[in-house]
Amino acid sequence: LLAVYPFILGAVFFAAAAVFGYFATH
């Protein structure tokens, strides 16, 4: 379960960057 945390952090960082990219270009 603890090994899930780094993946969660990476996924959150990726999702935030993707959302920023979408709204910035749109």
PDB file of all heavy atoms in Angstrom:
ATOM      1  N   LEU A   1       0.833  -1.203   0.000  1.00  0.00           N
ATOM      2  CA  LEU A   1       0.000   0.000   0.000  1.00  0.00           C
ATOM      3  C   LEU A   1       0.867   1.253   0.000  1.00  0.00           C
ATOM      4  O   LEU A   1       0.561   2.242  -0.683  1.00  0.00           O
ATOM      5  CB  LEU A   1      -0.930  -0.001   1.211  1.00  0.00           C
ATOM      6  CG  LEU A   1      -2.126  -0.942   1.166  1.00  0.00           C
ATOM      7  CD1 LEU A   1      -2.844  -0.965   2.513  1.00  0.00           C
ATOM      8  CD2 LEU A   1      -3.098  -0.517   0.072  1.00  0.00           C
ATOM      9  N   LEU A   2       1.963   1.207   0.763  1.00  0.00           N
ATOM     10  CA  LEU A   2       2.844   2.369   0.829  1.00  0.00           C
ATOM     11  C   LEU A   2       3.498   2.646  -0.515  1.00  0.00           C
ATOM     12  O   LEU A   2       3.756   3.805  -0.865  1.00  0.00           O
ATOM     13  CB  LEU A   2       3.917   2.128   1.898  1.00  0.00           C
ATOM     14  CG  LEU A   2       4.850   3.301   2.223  1.00  0.00           C
ATOM     15  CD1 LEU A   2       4.048   4.492   2.722  1.00  0.00           C
ATOM     16  CD2 LEU A   2       5.885   2.878   3.241  1.00  0.00           C
ATOM     17  N   ALA A   3       3.771   1.582  -1.278  1.00  0.00           N
ATOM     18  CA  ALA A   3       4.382   1.763  -2.592  1.00  0.00           C
ATOM     19  C   ALA A   3       3.467   2.511  -3.555  1.00  0.00           C
ATOM     20  O   ALA A   3       3.927   3.023  -4.588  1.00  0.00           O
ATOM     21  CB  ALA A   3       4.748   0.402  -3.184  1.00  0.00           C
ATOM     22  N   VAL A   4       2.177   2.593  -3.224  1.00  0.00           N
ATOM     23  CA  VAL A   4       1.236   3.306  -4.081  1.00  0.00           C
ATOM     24  C   VAL A   4       1.463   4.817  -4.025  1.00  0.00           C
ATOM     25  O   VAL A   4       1.196   5.535  -4.990  1.00  0.00           O
ATOM     26  CB  VAL A   4      -0.213   2.957  -3.660  1.00  0.00           C
ATOM     27  CG1 VAL A   4      -1.225   3.810  -4.415  1.00  0.00           C
ATOM     28  CG2 VAL A   4      -0.485   1.482  -3.908  1.00  0.00           C
ATOM     29  N   TYR A   5       1.995   5.320  -2.891  1.00  0.00           N
ATOM     30  CA  TYR A   5       2.112   6.764  -2.691  1.00  0.00           C
ATOM     31  C   TYR A   5       2.942   7.467  -3.760  1.00  0.00           C
ATOM     32  O   TYR A   5       2.509   8.501  -4.289  1.00  0.00           O
ATOM     33  CB  TYR A   5       2.680   7.057  -1.300  1.00  0.00           C
ATOM     34  CG  TYR A   5       1.655   6.972  -0.203  1.00  0.00           C
ATOM     35  CD1 TYR A   5       1.681   5.943   0.721  1.00  0.00           C
ATOM     36  CD2 TYR A   5       0.654   7.932  -0.088  1.00  0.00           C
ATOM     37  CE1 TYR A   5       0.747   5.865   1.728  1.00  0.00           C
ATOM     38  CE2 TYR A   5      -0.288   7.861   0.918  1.00  0.00           C
ATOM     39  CZ  TYR A   5      -0.236   6.822   1.830  1.00  0.00           C
ATOM     40  OH  TYR A   5      -1.168   6.745   2.823  1.00  0.00           O
ATOM     41  N   PRO A   6       4.152   6.973  -4.118  1.00  0.00           N
ATOM     42  CA  PRO A   6       4.903   7.676  -5.172  1.00  0.00           C
ATOM     43  C   PRO A   6       4.150   7.740  -6.493  1.00  0.00           C
ATOM     44  O   PRO A   6       4.218   8.756  -7.206  1.00  0.00           O
ATOM     45  CB  PRO A   6       6.194   6.839  -5.296  1.00  0.00           C
ATOM     46  CG  PRO A   6       6.331   6.163  -3.977  1.00  0.00           C
ATOM     47  CD  PRO A   6       4.934   5.871  -3.533  1.00  0.00           C
ATOM     48  N   PHE A   7       3.418   6.678  -6.814  1.00  0.00           N
ATOM     49  CA  PHE A   7       2.633   6.691  -8.048  1.00  0.00           C
ATOM     50  C   PHE A   7       1.496   7.707  -7.965  1.00  0.00           C
ATOM     51  O   PHE A   7       1.160   8.362  -8.955  1.00  0.00           O
ATOM     52  CB  PHE A   7       2.079   5.292  -8.334  1.00  0.00           C
ATOM     53  CG  PHE A   7       3.129   4.280  -8.686  1.00  0.00           C
ATOM     54  CD1 PHE A   7       3.602   3.387  -7.751  1.00  0.00           C
ATOM     55  CD2 PHE A   7       3.665   4.233  -9.969  1.00  0.00           C
ATOM     56  CE1 PHE A   7       4.581   2.451  -8.059  1.00  0.00           C
ATOM     57  CE2 PHE A   7       4.640   3.303 -10.304  1.00  0.00           C
ATOM     58  CZ  PHE A   7       5.102   2.411  -9.348  1.00  0.00           C
ATOM     59  N   ILE A   8       0.903   7.853  -6.776  1.00  0.00           N
ATOM     60  CA  ILE A   8      -0.149   8.849  -6.604  1.00  0.00           C
ATOM     61  C   ILE A   8       0.415  10.252  -6.801  1.00  0.00           C
ATOM     62  O   ILE A   8      -0.178  11.092  -7.495  1.00  0.00           O
ATOM     63  CB  ILE A   8      -0.807   8.720  -5.221  1.00  0.00           C
ATOM     64  CG1 ILE A   8      -1.576   7.396  -5.122  1.00  0.00           C
ATOM     65  CG2 ILE A   8      -1.747   9.890  -4.947  1.00  0.00           C
ATOM     66  CD1 ILE A   8      -2.188   7.147  -3.755  1.00  0.00           C
ATOM     67  N   LEU A   9       1.591  10.519  -6.198  1.00  0.00           N
ATOM     68  CA  LEU A   9       2.211  11.831  -6.362  1.00  0.00           C
ATOM     69  C   LEU A   9       2.532  12.111  -7.824  1.00  0.00           C
ATOM     70  O   LEU A   9       2.273  13.209  -8.335  1.00  0.00           O
ATOM     71  CB  LEU A   9       3.481  11.908  -5.527  1.00  0.00           C
ATOM     72  CG  LEU A   9       3.313  11.996  -4.009  1.00  0.00           C
ATOM     73  CD1 LEU A   9       4.669  11.998  -3.325  1.00  0.00           C
ATOM     74  CD2 LEU A   9       2.529  13.236  -3.630  1.00  0.00           C
ATOM     75  N   GLY A  10       3.099  11.097  -8.522  1.00  0.00           N
ATOM     76  CA  GLY A  10       3.402  11.280  -9.930  1.00  0.00           C
ATOM     77  C   GLY A  10       2.159  11.492 -10.767  1.00  0.00           C
ATOM     78  O   GLY A  10       2.141  12.342 -11.666  1.00  0.00           O
ATOM     79  N   ALA A  11       1.098  10.731 -10.459  1.00  0.00           N
ATOM     80  CA  ALA A  11      -0.151  10.879 -11.207  1.00  0.00           C
ATOM     81  C   ALA A  11      -0.776  12.252 -10.984  1.00  0.00           C
ATOM     82  O   ALA A  11      -1.308  12.868 -11.913  1.00  0.00           O
ATOM     83  CB  ALA A  11      -1.130   9.776 -10.803  1.00  0.00           C
ATOM     84  N   VAL A  12      -0.718  12.733  -9.745  1.00  0.00           N
ATOM     85  CA  VAL A  12      -1.277  14.057  -9.450  1.00  0.00           C
ATOM     86  C   VAL A  12      -0.492  15.136 -10.185  1.00  0.00           C
ATOM     87  O   VAL A  12      -1.078  16.069 -10.758  1.00  0.00           O
ATOM     88  CB  VAL A  12      -1.263  14.308  -7.927  1.00  0.00           C
ATOM     89  CG1 VAL A  12      -1.573  15.766  -7.614  1.00  0.00           C
ATOM     90  CG2 VAL A  12      -2.270  13.402  -7.240  1.00  0.00           C
ATOM     91  N   PHE A  13       0.830  15.042 -10.188  1.00  0.00           N
ATOM     92  CA  PHE A  13       1.650  16.020 -10.894  1.00  0.00           C
ATOM     93  C   PHE A  13       1.362  16.005 -12.393  1.00  0.00           C
ATOM     94  O   PHE A  13       1.225  17.058 -13.026  1.00  0.00           O
ATOM     95  CB  PHE A  13       3.123  15.713 -10.627  1.00  0.00           C
ATOM     96  CG  PHE A  13       4.071  16.728 -11.199  1.00  0.00           C
ATOM     97  CD1 PHE A  13       4.040  18.048 -10.776  1.00  0.00           C
ATOM     98  CD2 PHE A  13       5.003  16.369 -12.168  1.00  0.00           C
ATOM     99  CE1 PHE A  13       4.912  18.979 -11.300  1.00  0.00           C
ATOM    100  CE2 PHE A  13       5.875  17.288 -12.697  1.00  0.00           C
ATOM    101  CZ  PHE A  13       5.836  18.601 -12.263  1.00  0.00           C
ATOM    102  N   PHE A  14       1.248  14.792 -12.949  1.00  0.00           N
ATOM    103  CA  PHE A  14       0.938  14.676 -14.368  1.00  0.00           C
ATOM    104  C   PHE A  14      -0.454  15.235 -14.682  1.00  0.00           C
ATOM    105  O   PHE A  14      -0.637  15.973 -15.665  1.00  0.00           O
ATOM    106  CB  PHE A  14       1.015  13.210 -14.805  1.00  0.00           C
ATOM    107  CG  PHE A  14       0.445  12.938 -16.166  1.00  0.00           C
ATOM    108  CD1 PHE A  14       1.143  13.277 -17.312  1.00  0.00           C
ATOM    109  CD2 PHE A  14      -0.813  12.352 -16.295  1.00  0.00           C
ATOM    110  CE1 PHE A  14       0.611  13.030 -18.572  1.00  0.00           C
ATOM    111  CE2 PHE A  14      -1.351  12.112 -17.542  1.00  0.00           C
ATOM    112  CZ  PHE A  14      -0.635  12.452 -18.688  1.00  0.00           C
ATOM    113  N   ALA A  15      -1.454  14.896 -13.859  1.00  0.00           N
ATOM    114  CA  ALA A  15      -2.817  15.365 -14.107  1.00  0.00           C
ATOM    115  C   ALA A  15      -2.903  16.885 -13.995  1.00  0.00           C
ATOM    116  O   ALA A  15      -3.580  17.538 -14.800  1.00  0.00           O
ATOM    117  CB  ALA A  15      -3.782  14.705 -13.116  1.00  0.00           C
ATOM    118  N   ALA A  16      -2.209  17.456 -13.005  1.00  0.00           N
ATOM    119  CA  ALA A  16      -2.231  18.912 -12.867  1.00  0.00           C
ATOM    120  C   ALA A  16      -1.585  19.584 -14.073  1.00  0.00           C
ATOM    121  O   ALA A  16      -2.090  20.602 -14.579  1.00  0.00           O
ATOM    122  CB  ALA A  16      -1.508  19.311 -11.576  1.00  0.00           C
ATOM    123  N   ALA A  17      -0.475  19.018 -14.559  1.00  0.00           N
ATOM    124  CA  ALA A  17       0.178  19.581 -15.742  1.00  0.00           C
ATOM    125  C   ALA A  17      -0.717  19.445 -16.970  1.00  0.00           C
ATOM    126  O   ALA A  17      -0.800  20.362 -17.802  1.00  0.00           O
ATOM    127  CB  ALA A  17       1.520  18.886 -15.976  1.00  0.00           C
ATOM    128  N   ALA A  18      -1.390  18.297 -17.116  1.00  0.00           N
ATOM    129  CA  ALA A  18      -2.283  18.104 -18.265  1.00  0.00           C
ATOM    130  C   ALA A  18      -3.460  19.064 -18.221  1.00  0.00           C
ATOM    131  O   ALA A  18      -3.850  19.640 -19.246  1.00  0.00           O
ATOM    132  CB  ALA A  18      -2.776  16.656 -18.300  1.00  0.00           C
ATOM    133  N   VAL A  19      -4.041  19.259 -17.049  1.00  0.00           N
ATOM    134  CA  VAL A  19      -5.157  20.203 -16.913  1.00  0.00           C
ATOM    135  C   VAL A  19      -4.700  21.618 -17.249  1.00  0.00           C
ATOM    136  O   VAL A  19      -5.398  22.367 -17.937  1.00  0.00           O
ATOM    137  CB  VAL A  19      -5.731  20.134 -15.483  1.00  0.00           C
ATOM    138  CG1 VAL A  19      -6.675  21.300 -15.221  1.00  0.00           C
ATOM    139  CG2 VAL A  19      -6.467  18.819 -15.283  1.00  0.00           C
ATOM    140  N   PHE A  20      -3.517  21.974 -16.762  1.00  0.00           N
ATOM    141  CA  PHE A  20      -2.982  23.301 -17.084  1.00  0.00           C
ATOM    142  C   PHE A  20      -2.784  23.451 -18.590  1.00  0.00           C
ATOM    143  O   PHE A  20      -3.129  24.485 -19.179  1.00  0.00           O
ATOM    144  CB  PHE A  20      -1.656  23.514 -16.347  1.00  0.00           C
ATOM    145  CG  PHE A  20      -1.007  24.833 -16.657  1.00  0.00           C
ATOM    146  CD1 PHE A  20      -1.396  25.987 -15.992  1.00  0.00           C
ATOM    147  CD2 PHE A  20      -0.015  24.928 -17.632  1.00  0.00           C
ATOM    148  CE1 PHE A  20      -0.810  27.207 -16.284  1.00  0.00           C
ATOM    149  CE2 PHE A  20       0.578  26.142 -17.928  1.00  0.00           C
ATOM    150  CZ  PHE A  20       0.180  27.287 -17.246  1.00  0.00           C
ATOM    151  N   GLY A  21      -2.213  22.415 -19.223  1.00  0.00           N
ATOM    152  CA  GLY A  21      -2.006  22.478 -20.667  1.00  0.00           C
ATOM    153  C   GLY A  21      -3.302  22.605 -21.435  1.00  0.00           C
ATOM    154  O   GLY A  21      -3.402  23.368 -22.395  1.00  0.00           O
ATOM    155  N   TYR A  22      -4.333  21.885 -21.004  1.00  0.00           N
ATOM    156  CA  TYR A  22      -5.619  21.944 -21.704  1.00  0.00           C
ATOM    157  C   TYR A  22      -6.246  23.328 -21.610  1.00  0.00           C
ATOM    158  O   TYR A  22      -6.636  23.933 -22.615  1.00  0.00           O
ATOM    159  CB  TYR A  22      -6.562  20.902 -21.131  1.00  0.00           C
ATOM    160  CG  TYR A  22      -7.963  20.968 -21.722  1.00  0.00           C
ATOM    161  CD1 TYR A  22      -8.238  20.386 -22.953  1.00  0.00           C
ATOM    162  CD2 TYR A  22      -8.984  21.633 -21.049  1.00  0.00           C
ATOM    163  CE1 TYR A  22      -9.510  20.463 -23.507  1.00  0.00           C
ATOM    164  CE2 TYR A  22     -10.256  21.714 -21.591  1.00  0.00           C
ATOM    165  CZ  TYR A  22     -10.517  21.125 -22.819  1.00  0.00           C
ATOM    166  OH  TYR A  22     -11.770  21.209 -23.359  1.00  0.00           O
ATOM    167  N   PHE A  23      -6.339  23.848 -20.395  1.00  0.00           N
ATOM    168  CA  PHE A  23      -7.003  25.133 -20.216  1.00  0.00           C
ATOM    169  C   PHE A  23      -6.174  26.276 -20.786  1.00  0.00           C
ATOM    170  O   PHE A  23      -6.728  27.253 -21.285  1.00  0.00           O
ATOM    171  CB  PHE A  23      -7.286  25.381 -18.729  1.00  0.00           C
ATOM    172  CG  PHE A  23      -8.515  24.678 -18.246  1.00  0.00           C
ATOM    173  CD1 PHE A  23      -8.423  23.431 -17.643  1.00  0.00           C
ATOM    174  CD2 PHE A  23      -9.770  25.242 -18.392  1.00  0.00           C
ATOM    175  CE1 PHE A  23      -9.555  22.769 -17.198  1.00  0.00           C
ATOM    176  CE2 PHE A  23     -10.906  24.588 -17.954  1.00  0.00           C
ATOM    177  CZ  PHE A  23     -10.808  23.343 -17.361  1.00  0.00           C
ATOM    178  N   ALA A  24      -4.855  26.160 -20.709  1.00  0.00           N
ATOM    179  CA  ALA A  24      -4.025  27.226 -21.259  1.00  0.00           C
ATOM    180  C   ALA A  24      -4.190  27.326 -22.771  1.00  0.00           C
ATOM    181  O   ALA A  24      -4.402  28.411 -23.315  1.00  0.00           O
ATOM    182  CB  ALA A  24      -2.556  26.972 -20.909  1.00  0.00           C
ATOM    183  N   THR A  25      -4.126  26.194 -23.466  1.00  0.00           N
ATOM    184  CA  THR A  25      -4.264  26.220 -24.934  1.00  0.00           C
ATOM    185  C   THR A  25      -5.705  26.516 -25.341  1.00  0.00           C
ATOM    186  O   THR A  25      -5.958  27.236 -26.299  1.00  0.00           O
ATOM    187  CB  THR A  25      -3.830  24.888 -25.537  1.00  0.00           C
ATOM    188  OG1 THR A  25      -4.574  23.821 -24.924  1.00  0.00           O
ATOM    189  CG2 THR A  25      -2.348  24.648 -25.294  1.00  0.00           C
ATOM    190  N   HIS A  26      -6.680  25.982 -24.591  1.00  0.00           N
ATOM    191  CA  HIS A  26      -8.080  26.189 -24.955  1.00  0.00           C
ATOM    192  C   HIS A  26      -8.515  27.630 -24.708  1.00  0.00           C
ATOM    193  O   HIS A  26      -9.320  28.187 -25.461  1.00  0.00           O
ATOM    194  CB  HIS A  26      -8.964  25.242 -24.161  1.00  0.00           C
ATOM    195  CG  HIS A  26     -10.414  25.314 -24.557  1.00  0.00           C
ATOM    196  ND1 HIS A  26     -10.891  24.732 -25.708  1.00  0.00           N
ATOM    197  CD2 HIS A  26     -11.484  25.917 -23.949  1.00  0.00           C
ATOM    198  CE1 HIS A  26     -12.198  24.957 -25.806  1.00  0.00           C
ATOM    199  NE2 HIS A  26     -12.577  25.672 -24.755  1.00  0.00           N
TER     200      HIS A  26
END
